[in-house]
PDB file of N, CA and C in Angstrom:
ATOM      1  N   MET A   1     131.645 141.459  80.663  1.00  0.00           N
ATOM      2  CA  MET A   1     131.119 141.254  79.840  1.00  0.00           C
ATOM      3  C   MET A   1     130.379 140.414  78.944  1.00  0.00           C
ATOM      4  N   GLU A   2     131.506 139.545  78.905  1.00  0.00           N
ATOM      5  CA  GLU A   2     130.685 138.255  78.256  1.00  0.00           C
ATOM      6  C   GLU A   2     130.286 137.346  79.289  1.00  0.00           C
ATOM      7  N   GLY A   3     130.457 137.529  80.845  1.00  0.00           N
ATOM      8  CA  GLY A   3     129.635 137.155  81.954  1.00  0.00           C
ATOM      9  C   GLY A   3     128.205 136.866  81.584  1.00  0.00           C
ATOM     10  N   LEU A   4     128.057 137.983  81.401  1.00  0.00           N
ATOM     11  CA  LEU A   4     126.657 138.836  81.397  1.00  0.00           C
ATOM     12  C   LEU A   4     125.903 138.338  80.368  1.00  0.00           C
ATOM     13  N   VAL A   5     126.732 137.912  79.225  1.00  0.00           N
ATOM     14  CA  VAL A   5     125.782 137.996  78.122  1.00  0.00           C
ATOM     15  C   VAL A   5     125.639 136.649  78.238  1.00  0.00           C
ATOM     16  N   SER A   6     126.027 135.430  78.612  1.00  0.00           N
ATOM     17  CA  SER A   6     126.212 134.188  78.740  1.00  0.00           C
ATOM     18  C   SER A   6     125.086 133.523  79.330  1.00  0.00           C
ATOM     19  N   LEU A   7     124.733 135.168  80.422  1.00  0.00           N
ATOM     20  CA  LEU A   7     123.925 134.644  81.980  1.00  0.00           C
ATOM     21  C   LEU A   7     122.417 135.245  81.167  1.00  0.00           C
ATOM     22  N   LEU A   8     122.499 135.633  80.351  1.00  0.00           N
ATOM     23  CA  LEU A   8     121.492 136.501  79.570  1.00  0.00           C
ATOM     24  C   LEU A   8     120.613 135.004  78.349  1.00  0.00           C
ATOM     25  N   ILE A   9     121.722 134.348  77.968  1.00  0.00           N
ATOM     26  CA  ILE A   9     121.614 133.471  77.172  1.00  0.00           C
ATOM     27  C   ILE A   9     120.969 132.193  77.798  1.00  0.00           C
ATOM     28  N   PHE A  10     121.799 132.294  79.106  1.00  0.00           N
ATOM     29  CA  PHE A  10     121.362 130.687  80.051  1.00  0.00           C
ATOM     30  C   PHE A  10     119.247 130.949  80.203  1.00  0.00           C
ATOM     31  N   ALA A  11     119.629 133.076  80.960  1.00  0.00           N
ATOM     32  CA  ALA A  11     118.069 132.120  81.758  1.00  0.00           C
ATOM     33  C   ALA A  11     116.994 132.737  79.790  1.00  0.00           C
ATOM     34  N   LEU A  12     117.609 133.000  78.901  1.00  0.00           N
ATOM     35  CA  LEU A  12     116.310 132.708  78.114  1.00  0.00           C
ATOM     36  C   LEU A  12     116.319 131.353  77.250  1.00  0.00           C
ATOM     37  N   PHE A  13     117.400 130.729  77.453  1.00  0.00           N
ATOM     38  CA  PHE A  13     117.433 129.492  77.370  1.00  0.00           C
ATOM     39  C   PHE A  13     115.918 128.392  78.462  1.00  0.00           C
ATOM     40  N   PHE A  14     116.515 128.883  79.701  1.00  0.00           N
ATOM     41  CA  PHE A  14     116.113 127.824  80.751  1.00  0.00           C
ATOM     42  C   PHE A  14     113.870 128.808  80.615  1.00  0.00           C
ATOM     43  N   TYR A  15     114.049 130.222  80.551  1.00  0.00           N
ATOM     44  CA  TYR A  15     112.688 130.213  80.347  1.00  0.00           C
ATOM     45  C   TYR A  15     111.500 129.541  79.581  1.00  0.00           C
ATOM     46  N   PHE A  16     112.310 129.774  77.760  1.00  0.00           N
ATOM     47  CA  PHE A  16     111.951 128.874  76.449  1.00  0.00           C
ATOM     48  C   PHE A  16     111.532 127.879  76.843  1.00  0.00           C
ATOM     49  N   MET A  17     112.402 127.090  77.741  1.00  0.00           N
ATOM     50  CA  MET A  17     112.616 125.894  78.103  1.00  0.00           C
ATOM     51  C   MET A  17     111.113 125.553  78.706  1.00  0.00           C
ATOM     52  N   MET A  18     111.008 126.266  79.914  1.00  0.00           N
ATOM     53  CA  MET A  18     110.293 125.875  81.302  1.00  0.00           C
ATOM     54  C   MET A  18     108.789 126.024  80.366  1.00  0.00           C
ATOM     55  N   ARG A  19     108.571 127.201  79.942  1.00  0.00           N
ATOM     56  CA  ARG A  19     107.441 127.826  79.334  1.00  0.00           C
ATOM     57  C   ARG A  19     106.673 126.907  77.934  1.00  0.00           C
ATOM     58  N   LEU A  20     107.980 126.477  77.206  1.00  0.00           N
ATOM     59  CA  LEU A  20     107.249 126.326  75.301  1.00  0.00           C
ATOM     60  C   LEU A  20     108.040 124.465  75.536  1.00  0.00           C
ATOM     61  N   GLY A  21     108.639 123.884  76.755  1.00  0.00           N
ATOM     62  CA  GLY A  21     109.441 122.914  76.401  1.00  0.00           C
ATOM     63  C   GLY A  21     109.014 122.110  77.521  1.00  0.00           C
ATOM     64  N   CYS A  22     109.827 121.356  78.244  1.00  0.00           N
ATOM     65  CA  CYS A  22     109.923 120.757  79.046  1.00  0.00           C
ATOM     66  C   CYS A  22     108.910 120.970  80.887  1.00  0.00           C
ATOM     67  N   GLY A  23     108.834 122.243  80.954  1.00  0.00           N
ATOM     68  CA  GLY A  23     107.836 122.444  81.939  1.00  0.00           C
ATOM     69  C   GLY A  23     106.578 122.963  81.521  1.00  0.00           C
ATOM     70  N   ALA A  24     106.696 122.998  80.779  1.00  0.00           N
ATOM     71  CA  ALA A  24     105.076 123.763  79.558  1.00  0.00           C
ATOM     72  C   ALA A  24     104.009 122.728  80.350  1.00  0.00           C
ATOM     73  N   HIS A  25     104.341 121.680  81.000  1.00  0.00           N
ATOM     74  CA  HIS A  25     102.626 121.042  81.099  1.00  0.00           C
ATOM     75  C   HIS A  25     102.924 120.975  82.936  1.00  0.00           C
ATOM     76  N   MET A  26     103.957 121.625  83.431  1.00  0.00           N
ATOM     77  CA  MET A  26     104.036 122.178  84.913  1.00  0.00           C
ATOM     78  C   MET A  26     102.719 122.091  85.613  1.00  0.00           C
ATOM     79  N   THR A  27     101.564 123.595  85.278  1.00  0.00           N
ATOM     80  CA  THR A  27     100.746 124.230  85.750  1.00  0.00           C
ATOM     81  C   THR A  27      99.561 123.256  85.188  1.00  0.00           C
ATOM     82  N   HIS A  28      99.223 122.684  84.273  1.00  0.00           N
ATOM     83  CA  HIS A  28      97.835 122.272  83.665  1.00  0.00           C
ATOM     84  C   HIS A  28      97.225 121.263  84.579  1.00  0.00           C
ATOM     85  N   GLY A  29      98.294 120.377  85.308  1.00  0.00           N
ATOM     86  CA  GLY A  29      97.752 119.238  85.856  1.00  0.00           C
ATOM     87  C   GLY A  29      98.048 117.949  85.151  1.00  0.00           C
ATOM     88  N   SER A  30      96.640 117.439  85.569  1.00  0.00           N
ATOM     89  CA  SER A  30      96.773 115.546  84.153  1.00  0.00           C
ATOM     90  C   SER A  30      95.833 115.966  83.256  1.00  0.00           C
ATOM     91  N   HIS A  31      96.773 115.791  81.854  1.00  0.00           N
ATOM     92  CA  HIS A  31      95.966 115.446  81.013  1.00  0.00           C
ATOM     93  C   HIS A  31      94.929 115.052  81.159  1.00  0.00           C
ATOM     94  N   ASP A  32      94.831 113.440  82.041  1.00  0.00           N
ATOM     95  CA  ASP A  32      93.669 112.265  81.538  1.00  0.00           C
ATOM     96  C   ASP A  32      92.711 113.066  82.032  1.00  0.00           C
ATOM     97  N   LYS A  33      91.537 112.418  80.485  1.00  0.00           N
ATOM     98  CA  LYS A  33      90.457 113.408  80.747  1.00  0.00           C
ATOM     99  C   LYS A  33      89.519 112.415  81.487  1.00  0.00           C
ATOM    100  N   LYS A  34      89.736 111.283  81.682  1.00  0.00           N
ATOM    101  CA  LYS A  34      88.736 110.157  82.086  1.00  0.00           C
ATOM    102  C   LYS A  34      88.713 110.282  83.571  1.00  0.00           C
ATOM    103  N   ARG A  35      89.715 110.669  84.580  1.00  0.00           N
ATOM    104  CA  ARG A  35      90.549 111.452  85.485  1.00  0.00           C
ATOM    105  C   ARG A  35      89.651 113.111  86.136  1.00  0.00           C
ATOM    106  N   SER A  36      89.553 113.533  85.277  1.00  0.00           N
ATOM    107  CA  SER A  36      89.403 115.218  85.692  1.00  0.00           C
ATOM    108  C   SER A  36      88.481 115.569  86.557  1.00  0.00           C
ATOM    109  N   HIS A  37      88.735 115.980  87.424  1.00  0.00           N
ATOM    110  CA  HIS A  37      87.316 116.170  88.101  1.00  0.00           C
ATOM    111  C   HIS A  37      87.160 118.231  88.187  1.00  0.00           C
ATOM    112  N   ASP A  38      85.803 118.058  87.867  1.00  0.00           N
ATOM    113  CA  ASP A  38      85.328 119.529  88.135  1.00  0.00           C
ATOM    114  C   ASP A  38      85.206 119.744  89.842  1.00  0.00           C
ATOM    115  N   ALA A  39      84.764 121.402  90.184  1.00  0.00           N
ATOM    116  CA  ALA A  39      84.254 121.244  91.599  1.00  0.00           C
ATOM    117  C   ALA A  39      82.945 121.216  91.851  1.00  0.00           C
ATOM    118  N   ASN A  40      82.162 120.398  90.853  1.00  0.00           N
ATOM    119  CA  ASN A  40      81.089 120.039  91.252  1.00  0.00           C
ATOM    120  C   ASN A  40      81.254 118.271  91.185  1.00  0.00           C
ATOM    121  N   ASP A  41      81.945 117.519  90.903  1.00  0.00           N
ATOM    122  CA  ASP A  41      82.004 116.619  90.044  1.00  0.00           C
ATOM    123  C   ASP A  41      83.531 115.672  91.563  1.00  0.00           C
ATOM    124  N   SER A  42      82.922 114.959  92.455  1.00  0.00           N
ATOM    125  CA  SER A  42      84.163 114.449  93.837  1.00  0.00           C
ATOM    126  C   SER A  42      83.955 113.229  92.842  1.00  0.00           C
ATOM    127  N   ALA A  43      83.098 112.437  92.377  1.00  0.00           N
ATOM    128  CA  ALA A  43      83.197 111.569  92.052  1.00  0.00           C
ATOM    129  C   ALA A  43      83.827 110.973  91.888  1.00  0.00           C
ATOM    130  N   GLY A  44      85.215 109.799  91.862  1.00  0.00           N
ATOM    131  CA  GLY A  44      86.447 109.884  90.855  1.00  0.00           C
ATOM    132  C   GLY A  44      86.270 107.962  89.997  1.00  0.00           C
ATOM    133  N   PHE A  45      85.309 107.309  90.797  1.00  0.00           N
ATOM    134  CA  PHE A  45      85.109 105.695  90.345  1.00  0.00           C
ATOM    135  C   PHE A  45      83.432 105.652  90.199  1.00  0.00           C
ATOM    136  N   ILE A  46      82.983 104.533  89.812  1.00  0.00           N
ATOM    137  CA  ILE A  46      82.152 103.616  89.428  1.00  0.00           C
ATOM    138  C   ILE A  46      81.882 102.994  89.953  1.00  0.00           C
ATOM    139  N   ASP A  47      81.047 102.498  91.031  1.00  0.00           N
ATOM    140  CA  ASP A  47      81.009 102.104  92.041  1.00  0.00           C
ATOM    141  C   ASP A  47      79.985 100.246  90.477  1.00  0.00           C
ATOM    142  N   PRO A  48      80.972  98.823  90.517  1.00  0.00           N
ATOM    143  CA  PRO A  48      80.960  97.974  89.901  1.00  0.00           C
ATOM    144  C   PRO A  48      79.348  97.370  89.924  1.00  0.00           C
ATOM    145  N   VAL A  49      79.174  96.727  91.275  1.00  0.00           N
ATOM    146  CA  VAL A  49      78.108  96.625  91.618  1.00  0.00           C
ATOM    147  C   VAL A  49      76.595  97.164  91.044  1.00  0.00           C
ATOM    148  N   ASN A  50      76.511  98.433  91.573  1.00  0.00           N
ATOM    149  CA  ASN A  50      75.327  99.420  91.607  1.00  0.00           C
ATOM    150  C   ASN A  50      75.649 100.475  90.411  1.00  0.00           C
ATOM    151  N   GLY A  51      76.459 100.728  89.633  1.00  0.00           N
ATOM    152  CA  GLY A  51      76.741 101.927  88.617  1.00  0.00           C
ATOM    153  C   GLY A  51      77.205 102.803  89.163  1.00  0.00           C
ATOM    154  N   GLU A  52      76.914 103.178  90.332  1.00  0.00           N
ATOM    155  CA  GLU A  52      76.881 104.698  90.968  1.00  0.00           C
ATOM    156  C   GLU A  52      78.286 105.200  91.352  1.00  0.00           C
ATOM    157  N   LYS A  53      77.824 106.242  91.396  1.00  0.00           N
ATOM    158  CA  LYS A  53      79.778 107.505  91.934  1.00  0.00           C
ATOM    159  C   LYS A  53      79.797 107.220  92.826  1.00  0.00           C
ATOM    160  N   VAL A  54      81.473 106.912  93.106  1.00  0.00           N
ATOM    161  CA  VAL A  54      82.001 107.299  94.193  1.00  0.00           C
ATOM    162  C   VAL A  54      83.573 107.592  94.255  1.00  0.00           C
ATOM    163  N   ALA A  55      83.119 109.102  95.558  1.00  0.00           N
ATOM    164  CA  ALA A  55      84.366 109.486  95.350  1.00  0.00           C
ATOM    165  C   ALA A  55      85.865 109.064  95.808  1.00  0.00           C
ATOM    166  N   ASP A  56      86.539 109.537  95.405  1.00  0.00           N
ATOM    167  CA  ASP A  56      88.449 108.920  95.921  1.00  0.00           C
ATOM    168  C   ASP A  56      88.450 108.257  96.770  1.00  0.00           C
ATOM    169  N   ASP A  57      88.063 109.020  98.199  1.00  0.00           N
ATOM    170  CA  ASP A  57      88.139 108.922  99.577  1.00  0.00           C
ATOM    171  C   ASP A  57      87.282 108.120 100.079  1.00  0.00           C
ATOM    172  N   GLN A  58      85.799 107.909  99.847  1.00  0.00           N
ATOM    173  CA  GLN A  58      85.000 107.121 100.103  1.00  0.00           C
ATOM    174  C   GLN A  58      85.086 105.885  99.881  1.00  0.00           C
ATOM    175  N   GLY A  59      84.105 104.697 100.542  1.00  0.00           N
ATOM    176  CA  GLY A  59      83.463 103.750 100.197  1.00  0.00           C
ATOM    177  C   GLY A  59      85.426 102.538 100.789  1.00  0.00           C
ATOM    178  N   TYR A  60      84.586 101.432  99.657  1.00  0.00           N
ATOM    179  CA  TYR A  60      85.943 100.435  99.923  1.00  0.00           C
ATOM    180  C   TYR A  60      86.211 100.237  98.690  1.00  0.00           C
ATOM    181  N   GLY A  61      87.747 100.217  98.699  1.00  0.00           N
ATOM    182  CA  GLY A  61      88.609  99.789  97.698  1.00  0.00           C
ATOM    183  C   GLY A  61      89.155  98.600  97.549  1.00  0.00           C
ATOM    184  N   LYS A  62      89.002  97.795  96.386  1.00  0.00           N
ATOM    185  CA  LYS A  62      90.030  96.576  95.844  1.00  0.00           C
ATOM    186  C   LYS A  62      90.117  96.871  94.309  1.00  0.00           C
ATOM    187  N   LEU A  63      91.670  96.514  94.879  1.00  0.00           N
ATOM    188  CA  LEU A  63      92.414  96.071  93.419  1.00  0.00           C
ATOM    189  C   LEU A  63      91.931  94.906  93.139  1.00  0.00           C
ATOM    190  N   HIS A  64      91.531  94.917  91.877  1.00  0.00           N
ATOM    191  CA  HIS A  64      91.773  93.306  91.566  1.00  0.00           C
ATOM    192  C   HIS A  64      92.895  93.342  89.481  1.00  0.00           C
ATOM    193  N   ASN A  65      93.626  91.965  89.657  1.00  0.00           N
ATOM    194  CA  ASN A  65      94.336  92.336  87.946  1.00  0.00           C
ATOM    195  C   ASN A  65      94.899  94.248  87.778  1.00  0.00           C
ATOM    196  N   GLY A  66      95.330  94.267  88.792  1.00  0.00           N
ATOM    197  CA  GLY A  66      95.947  95.917  88.465  1.00  0.00           C
ATOM    198  C   GLY A  66      95.276  96.782  88.202  1.00  0.00           C
ATOM    199  N   LYS A  67      93.713  96.784  88.652  1.00  0.00           N
ATOM    200  CA  LYS A  67      93.364  98.087  88.440  1.00  0.00           C
ATOM    201  C   LYS A  67      92.067  97.930  89.985  1.00  0.00           C
ATOM    202  N   LEU A  68      92.021  99.569  90.161  1.00  0.00           N
ATOM    203  CA  LEU A  68      91.468 100.133  91.470  1.00  0.00           C
ATOM    204  C   LEU A  68      90.324  99.598  91.414  1.00  0.00           C
ATOM    205  N   TYR A  69      89.176  98.982  91.993  1.00  0.00           N
ATOM    206  CA  TYR A  69      87.398  99.405  91.780  1.00  0.00           C
ATOM    207  C   TYR A  69      87.234  99.658  93.409  1.00  0.00           C
ATOM    208  N   ARG A  70      86.296 100.938  93.471  1.00  0.00           N
ATOM    209  CA  ARG A  70      85.754 101.150  94.779  1.00  0.00           C
ATOM    210  C   ARG A  70      84.095 101.567  94.637  1.00  0.00           C
ATOM    211  N   PHE A  71      83.812 100.598  95.964  1.00  0.00           N
ATOM    212  CA  PHE A  71      82.524 100.400  96.421  1.00  0.00           C
ATOM    213  C   PHE A  71      82.130 101.479  97.343  1.00  0.00           C
ATOM    214  N   ILE A  72      80.753 101.858  97.055  1.00  0.00           N
ATOM    215  CA  ILE A  72      80.010 102.436  98.279  1.00  0.00           C
ATOM    216  C   ILE A  72      79.246 101.557  99.643  1.00  0.00           C
ATOM    217  N   THR A  73      79.047 100.466  99.843  1.00  0.00           N
ATOM    218  CA  THR A  73      79.372  99.436 100.834  1.00  0.00           C
ATOM    219  C   THR A  73      79.852  98.867 100.719  1.00  0.00           C
ATOM    220  N   ARG A  74      80.129  97.573 101.891  1.00  0.00           N
ATOM    221  CA  ARG A  74      80.700  96.502 101.826  1.00  0.00           C
ATOM    222  C   ARG A  74      79.696  95.576 101.463  1.00  0.00           C
ATOM    223  N   ASP A  75      78.650  95.670 101.822  1.00  0.00           N
ATOM    224  CA  ASP A  75      78.025  94.808 100.995  1.00  0.00           C
ATOM    225  C   ASP A  75      78.275  93.804  99.445  1.00  0.00           C
ATOM    226  N   ASN A  76      78.366  95.230  98.489  1.00  0.00           N
ATOM    227  CA  ASN A  76      78.572  95.631  97.065  1.00  0.00           C
ATOM    228  C   ASN A  76      80.498  95.188  96.751  1.00  0.00           C
ATOM    229  N   LEU A  77      81.295  95.006  98.356  1.00  0.00           N
ATOM    230  CA  LEU A  77      82.408  94.886  97.757  1.00  0.00           C
ATOM    231  C   LEU A  77      82.556  93.472  98.532  1.00  0.00           C
ATOM    232  N   ASP A  78      81.275  92.847  98.783  1.00  0.00           N
ATOM    233  CA  ASP A  78      81.766  90.837  99.255  1.00  0.00           C
ATOM    234  C   ASP A  78      80.542  90.346  97.809  1.00  0.00           C
ATOM    235  N   ALA A  79      80.150  91.157  97.627  1.00  0.00           N
ATOM    236  CA  ALA A  79      79.457  90.567  95.861  1.00  0.00           C
ATOM    237  C   ALA A  79      80.491  90.779  95.173  1.00  0.00           C
ATOM    238  N   PHE A  80      81.762  91.543  95.053  1.00  0.00           N
ATOM    239  CA  PHE A  80      82.168  91.911  93.850  1.00  0.00           C
ATOM    240  C   PHE A  80      83.501  90.908  93.661  1.00  0.00           C
ATOM    241  N   ASP A  81      83.520  90.442  95.077  1.00  0.00           N
ATOM    242  CA  ASP A  81      84.701  89.476  95.726  1.00  0.00           C
ATOM    243  C   ASP A  81      84.454  88.007  95.820  1.00  0.00           C
ATOM    244  N   ARG A  82      82.391  88.079  95.138  1.00  0.00           N
ATOM    245  CA  ARG A  82      82.117  85.940  95.434  1.00  0.00           C
ATOM    246  C   ARG A  82      82.272  86.326  93.681  1.00  0.00           C
ATOM    247  N   GLN A  83      82.108  86.976  92.962  1.00  0.00           N
ATOM    248  CA  GLN A  83      81.188  87.145  91.422  1.00  0.00           C
ATOM    249  C   GLN A  83      82.471  88.596  90.715  1.00  0.00           C
ATOM    250  N   PRO A  84      83.554  88.624  90.543  1.00  0.00           N
ATOM    251  CA  PRO A  84      84.306  89.630  90.105  1.00  0.00           C
ATOM    252  C   PRO A  84      84.144  89.692  88.239  1.00  0.00           C
ATOM    253  N   GLU A  85      84.589  88.850  87.815  1.00  0.00           N
ATOM    254  CA  GLU A  85      84.014  88.648  86.298  1.00  0.00           C
ATOM    255  C   GLU A  85      82.707  88.881  85.766  1.00  0.00           C
ATOM    256  N   LYS A  86      81.738  89.135  86.396  1.00  0.00           N
ATOM    257  CA  LYS A  86      80.524  89.192  86.223  1.00  0.00           C
ATOM    258  C   LYS A  86      80.403  90.724  86.364  1.00  0.00           C
ATOM    259  N   TYR A  87      80.639  91.692  87.281  1.00  0.00           N
ATOM    260  CA  TYR A  87      80.721  93.064  87.648  1.00  0.00           C
ATOM    261  C   TYR A  87      81.689  93.990  86.764  1.00  0.00           C
ATOM    262  N   ILE A  88      82.590  93.188  86.389  1.00  0.00           N
ATOM    263  CA  ILE A  88      83.700  93.442  85.210  1.00  0.00           C
ATOM    264  C   ILE A  88      83.052  93.554  83.881  1.00  0.00           C
ATOM    265  N   ASN A  89      82.218  92.375  83.271  1.00  0.00           N
ATOM    266  CA  ASN A  89      81.964  92.657  82.470  1.00  0.00           C
ATOM    267  C   ASN A  89      80.927  93.535  82.170  1.00  0.00           C
ATOM    268  N   ASN A  90      80.031  93.826  83.572  1.00  0.00           N
ATOM    269  CA  ASN A  90      78.773  94.803  83.442  1.00  0.00           C
ATOM    270  C   ASN A  90      79.631  96.250  83.461  1.00  0.00           C
ATOM    271  N   ILE A  91      80.723  96.333  83.835  1.00  0.00           N
ATOM    272  CA  ILE A  91      81.477  97.672  83.188  1.00  0.00           C
ATOM    273  C   ILE A  91      81.838  97.346  81.809  1.00  0.00           C
ATOM    274  N   ASN A  92      82.441  96.583  81.179  1.00  0.00           N
ATOM    275  CA  ASN A  92      82.835  97.030  79.924  1.00  0.00           C
ATOM    276  C   ASN A  92      81.651  97.128  78.864  1.00  0.00           C
ATOM    277  N   LYS A  93      80.286  95.971  79.179  1.00  0.00           N
ATOM    278  CA  LYS A  93      79.017  96.726  78.448  1.00  0.00           C
ATOM    279  C   LYS A  93      78.550  97.884  78.310  1.00  0.00           C
ATOM    280  N   THR A  94      78.883  98.443  79.583  1.00  0.00           N
ATOM    281  CA  THR A  94      78.462  99.866  79.844  1.00  0.00           C
ATOM    282  C   THR A  94      79.672 100.649  78.920  1.00  0.00           C
ATOM    283  N   GLY A  95      80.459 100.330  78.781  1.00  0.00           N
ATOM    284  CA  GLY A  95      81.697 101.695  78.358  1.00  0.00           C
ATOM    285  C   GLY A  95      82.065 102.181  79.285  1.00  0.00           C
ATOM    286  N   GLU A  96      81.518 102.242  80.659  1.00  0.00           N
ATOM    287  CA  GLU A  96      82.405 102.259  82.093  1.00  0.00           C
ATOM    288  C   GLU A  96      84.176 102.749  81.615  1.00  0.00           C
TER     289      GLU A  96
END
């Protein structure tokens, strides 16, 4: 009987920890509002050259100073390669 009580206490502890504590956010997904996606919104990036939306799995990617930028066309990627600060400053001014 003592073993059953211990098991019940452990089960309740586990339930409350998963429900309210350690596992509470497991089913919610990411809480990053900037990167959240709706079913209608598959674009996760903004092309810094022309300001158009780019889906996570489309276009071209470039890692610059530890941040990933995505581009719709190869021409936009090449333009960014030539003058990255110009396009990064444009993004910062528009608030993207």
